[in-house]
Amino acid sequence: MTVEIISCLTLLAALWYWSSAKAAQEHAYHAVKQHCQRLDLQMLDDYVAFKTIRCQRDNHGRLKFLRLYQFEFSSTGNERYNGTITLDGQQTLHIDLEPYRIVENELIH
């Protein structure tokens, strides 16, 4: 009886984690896509990849799990730059971009 309860709880925990991870990745993808559009950047490969998860205490001493995803973007279409997004659940904490080339648009007469 105890083995079955532990097995069920383990399965439920695994399903909860998978569902939570999937929702977080979808949020990360949409947040990065919008961020790149605002900065007139191209999100490459149309994908965010899970990098790591870490524990951190907030200002109130509560333990939080932060997920870090990485992605690639381009400012000109010729170079690839790396970026990361950090999430607390489905809340975006910050998006970091490598320094990238900015090309000014030239007016053609």
PDB file of N, CA and C in Angstrom:
ATOM      1  N   MET A   1       0.827  -1.201   0.000  1.00  0.00           N
ATOM      2  CA  MET A   1       0.000   0.000   0.000  1.00  0.00           C
ATOM      3  C   MET A   1       0.869   1.263   0.000  1.00  0.00           C
ATOM      4  N   THR A   2       1.895   1.289   0.835  1.00  0.00           N
ATOM      5  CA  THR A   2       2.768   2.456   0.926  1.00  0.00           C
ATOM      6  C   THR A   2       3.529   2.674  -0.368  1.00  0.00           C
ATOM      7  N   VAL A   3       3.975   1.606  -1.011  1.00  0.00           N
ATOM      8  CA  VAL A   3       4.707   1.704  -2.271  1.00  0.00           C
ATOM      9  C   VAL A   3       3.819   2.319  -3.350  1.00  0.00           C
ATOM     10  N   GLU A   4       2.543   1.928  -3.375  1.00  0.00           N
ATOM     11  CA  GLU A   4       1.620   2.480  -4.375  1.00  0.00           C
ATOM     12  C   GLU A   4       1.376   3.963  -4.149  1.00  0.00           C
ATOM     13  N   ILE A   5       1.266   4.382  -2.903  1.00  0.00           N
ATOM     14  CA  ILE A   5       1.050   5.799  -2.600  1.00  0.00           C
ATOM     15  C   ILE A   5       2.269   6.602  -3.009  1.00  0.00           C
ATOM     16  N   ILE A   6       3.456   6.096  -2.677  1.00  0.00           N
ATOM     17  CA  ILE A   6       4.687   6.794  -3.052  1.00  0.00           C
ATOM     18  C   ILE A   6       4.819   6.861  -4.573  1.00  0.00           C
ATOM     19  N   SER A   7       4.464   5.780  -5.254  1.00  0.00           N
ATOM     20  CA  SER A   7       4.526   5.765  -6.717  1.00  0.00           C
ATOM     21  C   SER A   7       3.564   6.778  -7.321  1.00  0.00           C
ATOM     22  N   CYS A   8       2.367   6.855  -6.795  1.00  0.00           N
ATOM     23  CA  CYS A   8       1.375   7.820  -7.291  1.00  0.00           C
ATOM     24  C   CYS A   8       1.831   9.252  -7.037  1.00  0.00           C
ATOM     25  N   LEU A   9       2.357   9.521  -5.852  1.00  0.00           N
ATOM     26  CA  LEU A   9       2.839  10.864  -5.535  1.00  0.00           C
ATOM     27  C   LEU A   9       4.025  11.248  -6.421  1.00  0.00           C
ATOM     28  N   THR A  10       4.906  10.299  -6.687  1.00  0.00           N
ATOM     29  CA  THR A  10       6.042  10.559  -7.568  1.00  0.00           C
ATOM     30  C   THR A  10       5.564  10.866  -8.978  1.00  0.00           C
ATOM     31  N   LEU A  11       4.603  10.101  -9.465  1.00  0.00           N
ATOM     32  CA  LEU A  11       4.047  10.334 -10.793  1.00  0.00           C
ATOM     33  C   LEU A  11       3.362  11.693 -10.868  1.00  0.00           C
ATOM     34  N   LEU A  12       2.588  12.046  -9.855  1.00  0.00           N
ATOM     35  CA  LEU A  12       1.932  13.353  -9.828  1.00  0.00           C
ATOM     36  C   LEU A  12       2.944  14.492  -9.801  1.00  0.00           C
ATOM     37  N   ALA A  13       4.008  14.334  -9.023  1.00  0.00           N
ATOM     38  CA  ALA A  13       5.053  15.362  -8.963  1.00  0.00           C
ATOM     39  C   ALA A  13       5.734  15.516 -10.320  1.00  0.00           C
ATOM     40  N   ALA A  14       6.003  14.398 -10.990  1.00  0.00           N
ATOM     41  CA  ALA A  14       6.631  14.451 -12.310  1.00  0.00           C
ATOM     42  C   ALA A  14       5.713  15.129 -13.335  1.00  0.00           C
ATOM     43  N   LEU A  15       4.427  14.814 -13.297  1.00  0.00           N
ATOM     44  CA  LEU A  15       3.474  15.452 -14.212  1.00  0.00           C
ATOM     45  C   LEU A  15       3.354  16.944 -13.931  1.00  0.00           C
ATOM     46  N   TRP A  16       3.329  17.316 -12.661  1.00  0.00           N
ATOM     47  CA  TRP A  16       3.261  18.741 -12.303  1.00  0.00           C
ATOM     48  C   TRP A  16       4.502  19.464 -12.818  1.00  0.00           C
ATOM     49  N   TYR A  17       5.693  18.878 -12.607  1.00  0.00           N
ATOM     50  CA  TYR A  17       6.921  19.515 -13.063  1.00  0.00           C
ATOM     51  C   TYR A  17       6.931  19.653 -14.589  1.00  0.00           C
ATOM     52  N   TRP A  18       6.537  18.611 -15.305  1.00  0.00           N
ATOM     53  CA  TRP A  18       6.515  18.667 -16.762  1.00  0.00           C
ATOM     54  C   TRP A  18       5.563  19.764 -17.253  1.00  0.00           C
ATOM     55  N   SER A  19       4.377  19.827 -16.662  1.00  0.00           N
ATOM     56  CA  SER A  19       3.398  20.838 -17.046  1.00  0.00           C
ATOM     57  C   SER A  19       3.911  22.243 -16.747  1.00  0.00           C
ATOM     58  N   SER A  20       4.502  22.417 -15.590  1.00  0.00           N
ATOM     59  CA  SER A  20       5.063  23.707 -15.205  1.00  0.00           C
ATOM     60  C   SER A  20       6.205  24.111 -16.136  1.00  0.00           C
ATOM     61  N   ALA A  21       7.079  23.179 -16.468  1.00  0.00           N
ATOM     62  CA  ALA A  21       8.204  23.465 -17.354  1.00  0.00           C
ATOM     63  C   ALA A  21       7.726  23.828 -18.751  1.00  0.00           C
ATOM     64  N   LYS A  22       6.722  23.132 -19.238  1.00  0.00           N
ATOM     65  CA  LYS A  22       6.174  23.413 -20.567  1.00  0.00           C
ATOM     66  C   LYS A  22       5.554  24.817 -20.615  1.00  0.00           C
ATOM     67  N   ALA A  23       4.785  25.172 -19.594  1.00  0.00           N
ATOM     68  CA  ALA A  23       4.170  26.500 -19.541  1.00  0.00           C
ATOM     69  C   ALA A  23       5.234  27.592 -19.437  1.00  0.00           C
ATOM     70  N   ALA A  24       6.276  27.359 -18.655  1.00  0.00           N
ATOM     71  CA  ALA A  24       7.355  28.337 -18.514  1.00  0.00           C
ATOM     72  C   ALA A  24       8.088  28.525 -19.841  1.00  0.00           C
ATOM     73  N   GLN A  25       8.344  27.443 -20.564  1.00  0.00           N
ATOM     74  CA  GLN A  25       9.037  27.553 -21.843  1.00  0.00           C
ATOM     75  C   GLN A  25       8.197  28.325 -22.861  1.00  0.00           C
ATOM     76  N   GLU A  26       6.904  28.093 -22.866  1.00  0.00           N
ATOM     77  CA  GLU A  26       6.017  28.838 -23.775  1.00  0.00           C
ATOM     78  C   GLU A  26       6.024  30.317 -23.430  1.00  0.00           C
ATOM     79  N   HIS A  27       5.983  30.627 -22.135  1.00  0.00           N
ATOM     80  CA  HIS A  27       6.035  32.031 -21.716  1.00  0.00           C
ATOM     81  C   HIS A  27       7.359  32.660 -22.141  1.00  0.00           C
ATOM     82  N   ALA A  28       8.467  31.944 -21.926  1.00  0.00           N
ATOM     83  CA  ALA A  28       9.788  32.451 -22.297  1.00  0.00           C
ATOM     84  C   ALA A  28       9.851  32.733 -23.796  1.00  0.00           C
ATOM     85  N   TYR A  29       9.327  31.817 -24.596  1.00  0.00           N
ATOM     86  CA  TYR A  29       9.338  31.988 -26.051  1.00  0.00           C
ATOM     87  C   TYR A  29       8.606  33.273 -26.455  1.00  0.00           C
ATOM     88  N   HIS A  30       7.393  33.463 -25.932  1.00  0.00           N
ATOM     89  CA  HIS A  30       6.599  34.641 -26.313  1.00  0.00           C
ATOM     90  C   HIS A  30       7.235  35.934 -25.800  1.00  0.00           C
ATOM     91  N   ALA A  31       7.796  35.905 -24.609  1.00  0.00           N
ATOM     92  CA  ALA A  31       8.450  37.100 -24.057  1.00  0.00           C
ATOM     93  C   ALA A  31       9.674  37.478 -24.889  1.00  0.00           C
ATOM     94  N   VAL A  32      10.465  36.496 -25.287  1.00  0.00           N
ATOM     95  CA  VAL A  32      11.652  36.765 -26.108  1.00  0.00           C
ATOM     96  C   VAL A  32      11.231  37.271 -27.485  1.00  0.00           C
ATOM     97  N   LYS A  33      10.230  36.646 -28.065  1.00  0.00           N
ATOM     98  CA  LYS A  33       9.745  37.050 -29.396  1.00  0.00           C
ATOM     99  C   LYS A  33       9.306  38.525 -29.375  1.00  0.00           C
ATOM    100  N   GLN A  34       8.531  38.923 -28.366  1.00  0.00           N
ATOM    101  CA  GLN A  34       8.076  40.312 -28.242  1.00  0.00           C
ATOM    102  C   GLN A  34       9.242  41.259 -27.998  1.00  0.00           C
ATOM    103  N   HIS A  35      10.183  40.842 -27.154  1.00  0.00           N
ATOM    104  CA  HIS A  35      11.350  41.674 -26.848  1.00  0.00           C
ATOM    105  C   HIS A  35      12.165  41.926 -28.116  1.00  0.00           C
ATOM    106  N   CYS A  36      12.390  40.883 -28.894  1.00  0.00           N
ATOM    107  CA  CYS A  36      13.138  41.036 -30.141  1.00  0.00           C
ATOM    108  C   CYS A  36      12.399  41.944 -31.126  1.00  0.00           C
ATOM    109  N   GLN A  37      11.094  41.814 -31.220  1.00  0.00           N
ATOM    110  CA  GLN A  37      10.325  42.668 -32.122  1.00  0.00           C
ATOM    111  C   GLN A  37      10.423  44.131 -31.703  1.00  0.00           C
ATOM    112  N   ARG A  38      10.342  44.405 -30.391  1.00  0.00           N
ATOM    113  CA  ARG A  38      10.447  45.783 -29.906  1.00  0.00           C
ATOM    114  C   ARG A  38      11.804  46.402 -30.249  1.00  0.00           C
ATOM    115  N   LEU A  39      12.856  45.588 -30.235  1.00  0.00           N
ATOM    116  CA  LEU A  39      14.200  46.089 -30.510  1.00  0.00           C
ATOM    117  C   LEU A  39      14.597  45.942 -31.984  1.00  0.00           C
ATOM    118  N   ASP A  40      13.665  45.521 -32.822  1.00  0.00           N
ATOM    119  CA  ASP A  40      13.902  45.302 -34.251  1.00  0.00           C
ATOM    120  C   ASP A  40      15.018  44.284 -34.473  1.00  0.00           C
ATOM    121  N   LEU A  41      14.960  43.191 -33.716  1.00  0.00           N
ATOM    122  CA  LEU A  41      15.911  42.091 -33.832  1.00  0.00           C
ATOM    123  C   LEU A  41      15.184  40.865 -34.365  1.00  0.00           C
ATOM    124  N   GLN A  42      15.932  39.953 -34.925  1.00  0.00           N
ATOM    125  CA  GLN A  42      15.364  38.712 -35.426  1.00  0.00           C
ATOM    126  C   GLN A  42      15.694  37.591 -34.447  1.00  0.00           C
ATOM    127  N   MET A  43      14.675  36.923 -33.938  1.00  0.00           N
ATOM    128  CA  MET A  43      14.887  35.755 -33.080  1.00  0.00           C
ATOM    129  C   MET A  43      15.203  34.580 -33.996  1.00  0.00           C
ATOM    130  N   LEU A  44      16.394  34.011 -33.823  1.00  0.00           N
ATOM    131  CA  LEU A  44      16.827  32.930 -34.712  1.00  0.00           C
ATOM    132  C   LEU A  44      16.327  31.576 -34.226  1.00  0.00           C
ATOM    133  N   ASP A  45      16.083  30.690 -35.143  1.00  0.00           N
ATOM    134  CA  ASP A  45      15.645  29.316 -34.889  1.00  0.00           C
ATOM    135  C   ASP A  45      14.271  29.243 -34.233  1.00  0.00           C
ATOM    136  N   ASP A  46      13.679  30.383 -33.913  1.00  0.00           N
ATOM    137  CA  ASP A  46      12.323  30.424 -33.343  1.00  0.00           C
ATOM    138  C   ASP A  46      12.184  29.477 -32.155  1.00  0.00           C
ATOM    139  N   TYR A  47      13.192  29.521 -31.243  1.00  0.00           N
ATOM    140  CA  TYR A  47      13.233  28.546 -30.157  1.00  0.00           C
ATOM    141  C   TYR A  47      13.990  29.096 -28.947  1.00  0.00           C
ATOM    142  N   VAL A  48      13.510  28.755 -27.765  1.00  0.00           N
ATOM    143  CA  VAL A  48      14.265  29.008 -26.533  1.00  0.00           C
ATOM    144  C   VAL A  48      14.603  27.643 -25.933  1.00  0.00           C
ATOM    145  N   ALA A  49      15.832  27.502 -25.471  1.00  0.00           N
ATOM    146  CA  ALA A  49      16.307  26.226 -24.943  1.00  0.00           C
ATOM    147  C   ALA A  49      16.529  26.340 -23.441  1.00  0.00           C
ATOM    148  N   PHE A  50      16.032  25.365 -22.703  1.00  0.00           N
ATOM    149  CA  PHE A  50      16.237  25.331 -21.254  1.00  0.00           C
ATOM    150  C   PHE A  50      17.728  25.202 -20.961  1.00  0.00           C
ATOM    151  N   LYS A  51      18.214  26.035 -20.046  1.00  0.00           N
ATOM    152  CA  LYS A  51      19.636  25.991 -19.698  1.00  0.00           C
ATOM    153  C   LYS A  51      19.839  25.451 -18.288  1.00  0.00           C
ATOM    154  N   THR A  52      19.128  26.027 -17.306  1.00  0.00           N
ATOM    155  CA  THR A  52      19.318  25.584 -15.922  1.00  0.00           C
ATOM    156  C   THR A  52      18.145  26.040 -15.050  1.00  0.00           C
ATOM    157  N   ILE A  53      18.070  25.449 -13.881  1.00  0.00           N
ATOM    158  CA  ILE A  53      17.113  25.872 -12.864  1.00  0.00           C
ATOM    159  C   ILE A  53      17.906  26.048 -11.581  1.00  0.00           C
ATOM    160  N   ARG A  54      17.588  27.093 -10.835  1.00  0.00           N
ATOM    161  CA  ARG A  54      18.308  27.324  -9.580  1.00  0.00           C
ATOM    162  C   ARG A  54      17.351  27.857  -8.525  1.00  0.00           C
ATOM    163  N   CYS A  55      17.739  27.679  -7.286  1.00  0.00           N
ATOM    164  CA  CYS A  55      16.959  28.174  -6.153  1.00  0.00           C
ATOM    165  C   CYS A  55      17.538  29.505  -5.706  1.00  0.00           C
ATOM    166  N   GLN A  56      16.641  30.394  -5.305  1.00  0.00           N
ATOM    167  CA  GLN A  56      17.066  31.697  -4.808  1.00  0.00           C
ATOM    168  C   GLN A  56      16.016  32.202  -3.831  1.00  0.00           C
ATOM    169  N   ARG A  57      16.446  32.873  -2.812  1.00  0.00           N
ATOM    170  CA  ARG A  57      15.514  33.472  -1.845  1.00  0.00           C
ATOM    171  C   ARG A  57      15.146  34.876  -2.296  1.00  0.00           C
ATOM    172  N   ASP A  58      13.868  35.235  -2.117  1.00  0.00           N
ATOM    173  CA  ASP A  58      13.447  36.585  -2.461  1.00  0.00           C
ATOM    174  C   ASP A  58      13.674  37.510  -1.272  1.00  0.00           C
ATOM    175  N   ASN A  59      13.200  38.742  -1.374  1.00  0.00           N
ATOM    176  CA  ASN A  59      13.402  39.739  -0.313  1.00  0.00           C
ATOM    177  C   ASN A  59      12.715  39.363   0.991  1.00  0.00           C
ATOM    178  N   HIS A  60      11.720  38.479   0.922  1.00  0.00           N
ATOM    179  CA  HIS A  60      10.982  38.051   2.110  1.00  0.00           C
ATOM    180  C   HIS A  60      11.506  36.729   2.661  1.00  0.00           C
ATOM    181  N   GLY A  61      12.574  36.201   2.070  1.00  0.00           N
ATOM    182  CA  GLY A  61      13.172  34.960   2.547  1.00  0.00           C
ATOM    183  C   GLY A  61      12.533  33.697   2.008  1.00  0.00           C
ATOM    184  N   ARG A  62      11.568  33.839   1.091  1.00  0.00           N
ATOM    185  CA  ARG A  62      10.922  32.666   0.507  1.00  0.00           C
ATOM    186  C   ARG A  62      11.790  32.081  -0.598  1.00  0.00           C
ATOM    187  N   LEU A  63      11.802  30.774  -0.677  1.00  0.00           N
ATOM    188  CA  LEU A  63      12.582  30.070  -1.687  1.00  0.00           C
ATOM    189  C   LEU A  63      11.833  30.083  -3.014  1.00  0.00           C
ATOM    190  N   LYS A  64      12.531  30.474  -4.085  1.00  0.00           N
ATOM    191  CA  LYS A  64      11.943  30.517  -5.426  1.00  0.00           C
ATOM    192  C   LYS A  64      12.807  29.685  -6.359  1.00  0.00           C
ATOM    193  N   PHE A  65      12.171  29.091  -7.349  1.00  0.00           N
ATOM    194  CA  PHE A  65      12.888  28.367  -8.389  1.00  0.00           C
ATOM    195  C   PHE A  65      12.921  29.233  -9.633  1.00  0.00           C
ATOM    196  N   LEU A  66      14.103  29.581 -10.078  1.00  0.00           N
ATOM    197  CA  LEU A  66      14.275  30.403 -11.269  1.00  0.00           C
ATOM    198  C   LEU A  66      14.734  29.524 -12.421  1.00  0.00           C
ATOM    199  N   ARG A  67      14.090  29.700 -13.571  1.00  0.00           N
ATOM    200  CA  ARG A  67      14.471  28.950 -14.764  1.00  0.00           C
ATOM    201  C   ARG A  67      15.193  29.900 -15.715  1.00  0.00           C
ATOM    202  N   LEU A  68      16.263  29.407 -16.308  1.00  0.00           N
ATOM    203  CA  LEU A  68      17.038  30.185 -17.261  1.00  0.00           C
ATOM    204  C   LEU A  68      16.975  29.492 -18.619  1.00  0.00           C
ATOM    205  N   TYR A  69      16.602  30.251 -19.645  1.00  0.00           N
ATOM    206  CA  TYR A  69      16.533  29.752 -21.010  1.00  0.00           C
ATOM    207  C   TYR A  69      17.488  30.576 -21.865  1.00  0.00           C
ATOM    208  N   GLN A  70      18.024  29.951 -22.894  1.00  0.00           N
ATOM    209  CA  GLN A  70      18.888  30.683 -23.812  1.00  0.00           C
ATOM    210  C   GLN A  70      18.282  30.666 -25.210  1.00  0.00           C
ATOM    211  N   PHE A  71      18.692  31.646 -26.010  1.00  0.00           N
ATOM    212  CA  PHE A  71      18.197  31.774 -27.375  1.00  0.00           C
ATOM    213  C   PHE A  71      19.246  32.514 -28.188  1.00  0.00           C
ATOM    214  N   GLU A  72      19.050  32.548 -29.492  1.00  0.00           N
ATOM    215  CA  GLU A  72      19.942  33.271 -30.379  1.00  0.00           C
ATOM    216  C   GLU A  72      19.137  34.298 -31.160  1.00  0.00           C
ATOM    217  N   PHE A  73      19.803  35.413 -31.466  1.00  0.00           N
ATOM    218  CA  PHE A  73      19.138  36.480 -32.207  1.00  0.00           C
ATOM    219  C   PHE A  73      20.149  37.118 -33.149  1.00  0.00           C
ATOM    220  N   SER A  74      19.650  37.939 -34.064  1.00  0.00           N
ATOM    221  CA  SER A  74      20.501  38.651 -35.001  1.00  0.00           C
ATOM    222  C   SER A  74      19.967  40.065 -35.184  1.00  0.00           C
ATOM    223  N   SER A  75      20.887  40.991 -35.385  1.00  0.00           N
ATOM    224  CA  SER A  75      20.474  42.368 -35.647  1.00  0.00           C
ATOM    225  C   SER A  75      20.523  42.684 -37.136  1.00  0.00           C
ATOM    226  N   THR A  76      21.327  41.945 -37.886  1.00  0.00           N
ATOM    227  CA  THR A  76      21.486  42.208 -39.316  1.00  0.00           C
ATOM    228  C   THR A  76      21.098  41.026 -40.190  1.00  0.00           C
ATOM    229  N   GLY A  77      20.978  39.860 -39.599  1.00  0.00           N
ATOM    230  CA  GLY A  77      20.713  38.655 -40.365  1.00  0.00           C
ATOM    231  C   GLY A  77      21.983  37.918 -40.733  1.00  0.00           C
ATOM    232  N   ASN A  78      23.135  38.535 -40.486  1.00  0.00           N
ATOM    233  CA  ASN A  78      24.416  37.915 -40.829  1.00  0.00           C
ATOM    234  C   ASN A  78      25.131  37.325 -39.623  1.00  0.00           C
ATOM    235  N   GLU A  79      24.921  37.866 -38.445  1.00  0.00           N
ATOM    236  CA  GLU A  79      25.599  37.390 -37.247  1.00  0.00           C
ATOM    237  C   GLU A  79      24.607  36.707 -36.314  1.00  0.00           C
ATOM    238  N   ARG A  80      25.160  35.875 -35.438  1.00  0.00           N
ATOM    239  CA  ARG A  80      24.362  35.217 -34.397  1.00  0.00           C
ATOM    240  C   ARG A  80      24.865  35.693 -33.055  1.00  0.00           C
ATOM    241  N   TYR A  81      23.934  36.121 -32.212  1.00  0.00           N
ATOM    242  CA  TYR A  81      24.263  36.547 -30.855  1.00  0.00           C
ATOM    243  C   TYR A  81      23.450  35.716 -29.878  1.00  0.00           C
ATOM    244  N   ASN A  82      23.951  35.585 -28.664  1.00  0.00           N
ATOM    245  CA  ASN A  82      23.265  34.825 -27.628  1.00  0.00           C
ATOM    246  C   ASN A  82      22.507  35.737 -26.683  1.00  0.00           C
ATOM    247  N   GLY A  83      21.420  35.203 -26.172  1.00  0.00           N
ATOM    248  CA  GLY A  83      20.637  35.901 -25.167  1.00  0.00           C
ATOM    249  C   GLY A  83      20.113  34.907 -24.150  1.00  0.00           C
ATOM    250  N   THR A  84      19.718  35.419 -22.990  1.00  0.00           N
ATOM    251  CA  THR A  84      19.103  34.577 -21.961  1.00  0.00           C
ATOM    252  C   THR A  84      17.886  35.279 -21.396  1.00  0.00           C
ATOM    253  N   ILE A  85      16.961  34.486 -20.917  1.00  0.00           N
ATOM    254  CA  ILE A  85      15.781  35.001 -20.223  1.00  0.00           C
ATOM    255  C   ILE A  85      15.663  34.222 -18.921  1.00  0.00           C
ATOM    256  N   THR A  86      15.400  34.948 -17.834  1.00  0.00           N
ATOM    257  CA  THR A  86      15.239  34.337 -16.520  1.00  0.00           C
ATOM    258  C   THR A  86      13.791  34.499 -16.086  1.00  0.00           C
ATOM    259  N   LEU A  87      13.195  33.382 -15.660  1.00  0.00           N
ATOM    260  CA  LEU A  87      11.792  33.373 -15.238  1.00  0.00           C
ATOM    261  C   LEU A  87      11.657  32.943 -13.787  1.00  0.00           C
ATOM    262  N   ASP A  88      10.704  33.548 -13.117  1.00  0.00           N
ATOM    263  CA  ASP A  88      10.238  33.096 -11.808  1.00  0.00           C
ATOM    264  C   ASP A  88       8.821  32.606 -12.048  1.00  0.00           C
ATOM    265  N   GLY A  89       8.667  31.304 -12.175  1.00  0.00           N
ATOM    266  CA  GLY A  89       7.364  30.762 -12.574  1.00  0.00           C
ATOM    267  C   GLY A  89       7.099  31.172 -14.011  1.00  0.00           C
ATOM    268  N   GLN A  90       6.047  31.951 -14.221  1.00  0.00           N
ATOM    269  CA  GLN A  90       5.761  32.484 -15.547  1.00  0.00           C
ATOM    270  C   GLN A  90       5.923  33.996 -15.568  1.00  0.00           C
ATOM    271  N   GLN A  91       6.726  34.518 -14.671  1.00  0.00           N
ATOM    272  CA  GLN A  91       7.017  35.948 -14.628  1.00  0.00           C
ATOM    273  C   GLN A  91       8.437  36.181 -15.132  1.00  0.00           C
ATOM    274  N   THR A  92       8.573  37.065 -16.114  1.00  0.00           N
ATOM    275  CA  THR A  92       9.886  37.393 -16.649  1.00  0.00           C
ATOM    276  C   THR A  92      10.617  38.299 -15.673  1.00  0.00           C
ATOM    277  N   LEU A  93      11.793  37.863 -15.227  1.00  0.00           N
ATOM    278  CA  LEU A  93      12.613  38.698 -14.349  1.00  0.00           C
ATOM    279  C   LEU A  93      13.522  39.600 -15.166  1.00  0.00           C
ATOM    280  N   HIS A  94      14.214  39.039 -16.141  1.00  0.00           N
ATOM    281  CA  HIS A  94      15.014  39.860 -17.043  1.00  0.00           C
ATOM    282  C   HIS A  94      15.417  39.085 -18.290  1.00  0.00           C
ATOM    283  N   ILE A  95      15.695  39.865 -19.320  1.00  0.00           N
ATOM    284  CA  ILE A  95      16.191  39.333 -20.584  1.00  0.00           C
ATOM    285  C   ILE A  95      17.537  39.999 -20.832  1.00  0.00           C
ATOM    286  N   ASP A  96      18.560  39.186 -21.018  1.00  0.00           N
ATOM    287  CA  ASP A  96      19.912  39.694 -21.260  1.00  0.00           C
ATOM    288  C   ASP A  96      20.327  39.362 -22.688  1.00  0.00           C
ATOM    289  N   LEU A  97      20.908  40.360 -23.361  1.00  0.00           N
ATOM    290  CA  LEU A  97      21.387  40.187 -24.730  1.00  0.00           C
ATOM    291  C   LEU A  97      22.875  40.484 -24.778  1.00  0.00           C
ATOM    292  N   GLU A  98      23.612  39.683 -25.563  1.00  0.00           N
ATOM    293  CA  GLU A  98      25.010  40.003 -25.814  1.00  0.00           C
ATOM    294  C   GLU A  98      25.065  41.335 -26.558  1.00  0.00           C
ATOM    295  N   PRO A  99      26.160  42.068 -26.421  1.00  0.00           N
ATOM    296  CA  PRO A  99      26.297  43.282 -27.250  1.00  0.00           C
ATOM    297  C   PRO A  99      26.215  42.893 -28.727  1.00  0.00           C
ATOM    298  N   TYR A 100      25.481  43.676 -29.489  1.00  0.00           N
ATOM    299  CA  TYR A 100      25.278  43.357 -30.899  1.00  0.00           C
ATOM    300  C   TYR A 100      25.435  44.602 -31.753  1.00  0.00           C
ATOM    301  N   ARG A 101      25.669  44.360 -33.036  1.00  0.00           N
ATOM    302  CA  ARG A 101      25.862  45.449 -33.994  1.00  0.00           C
ATOM    303  C   ARG A 101      24.523  46.107 -34.292  1.00  0.00           C
ATOM    304  N   ILE A 102      24.538  47.421 -34.287  1.00  0.00           N
ATOM    305  CA  ILE A 102      23.355  48.180 -34.657  1.00  0.00           C
ATOM    306  C   ILE A 102      23.634  48.816 -36.022  1.00  0.00           C
ATOM    307  N   VAL A 103      22.792  48.524 -36.981  1.00  0.00           N
ATOM    308  CA  VAL A 103      22.923  49.079 -38.313  1.00  0.00           C
ATOM    309  C   VAL A 103      21.861  50.130 -38.494  1.00  0.00           C
ATOM    310  N   GLU A 104      22.310  51.346 -38.821  1.00  0.00           N
ATOM    311  CA  GLU A 104      21.357  52.436 -39.045  1.00  0.00           C
ATOM    312  C   GLU A 104      20.745  52.294 -40.430  1.00  0.00           C
ATOM    313  N   ASN A 105      19.470  52.541 -40.496  1.00  0.00           N
ATOM    314  CA  ASN A 105      18.771  52.478 -41.776  1.00  0.00           C
ATOM    315  C   ASN A 105      19.153  53.701 -42.608  1.00  0.00           C
ATOM    316  N   GLU A 106      19.540  53.477 -43.827  1.00  0.00           N
ATOM    317  CA  GLU A 106      19.892  54.568 -44.720  1.00  0.00           C
ATOM    318  C   GLU A 106      18.708  54.853 -45.635  1.00  0.00           C
ATOM    319  N   LEU A 107      18.459  56.128 -45.830  1.00  0.00           N
ATOM    320  CA  LEU A 107      17.398  56.521 -46.756  1.00  0.00           C
ATOM    321  C   LEU A 107      17.926  56.479 -48.190  1.00  0.00           C
ATOM    322  N   ILE A 108      17.160  55.861 -49.050  1.00  0.00           N
ATOM    323  CA  ILE A 108      17.543  55.780 -50.468  1.00  0.00           C
ATOM    324  C   ILE A 108      16.746  56.818 -51.220  1.00  0.00           C
ATOM    325  N   HIS A 109      17.445  57.668 -51.955  1.00  0.00           N
ATOM    326  CA  HIS A 109      16.777  58.721 -52.733  1.00  0.00           C
ATOM    327  C   HIS A 109      16.624  58.305 -54.145  1.00  0.00           C
TER     328      HIS A 109
END
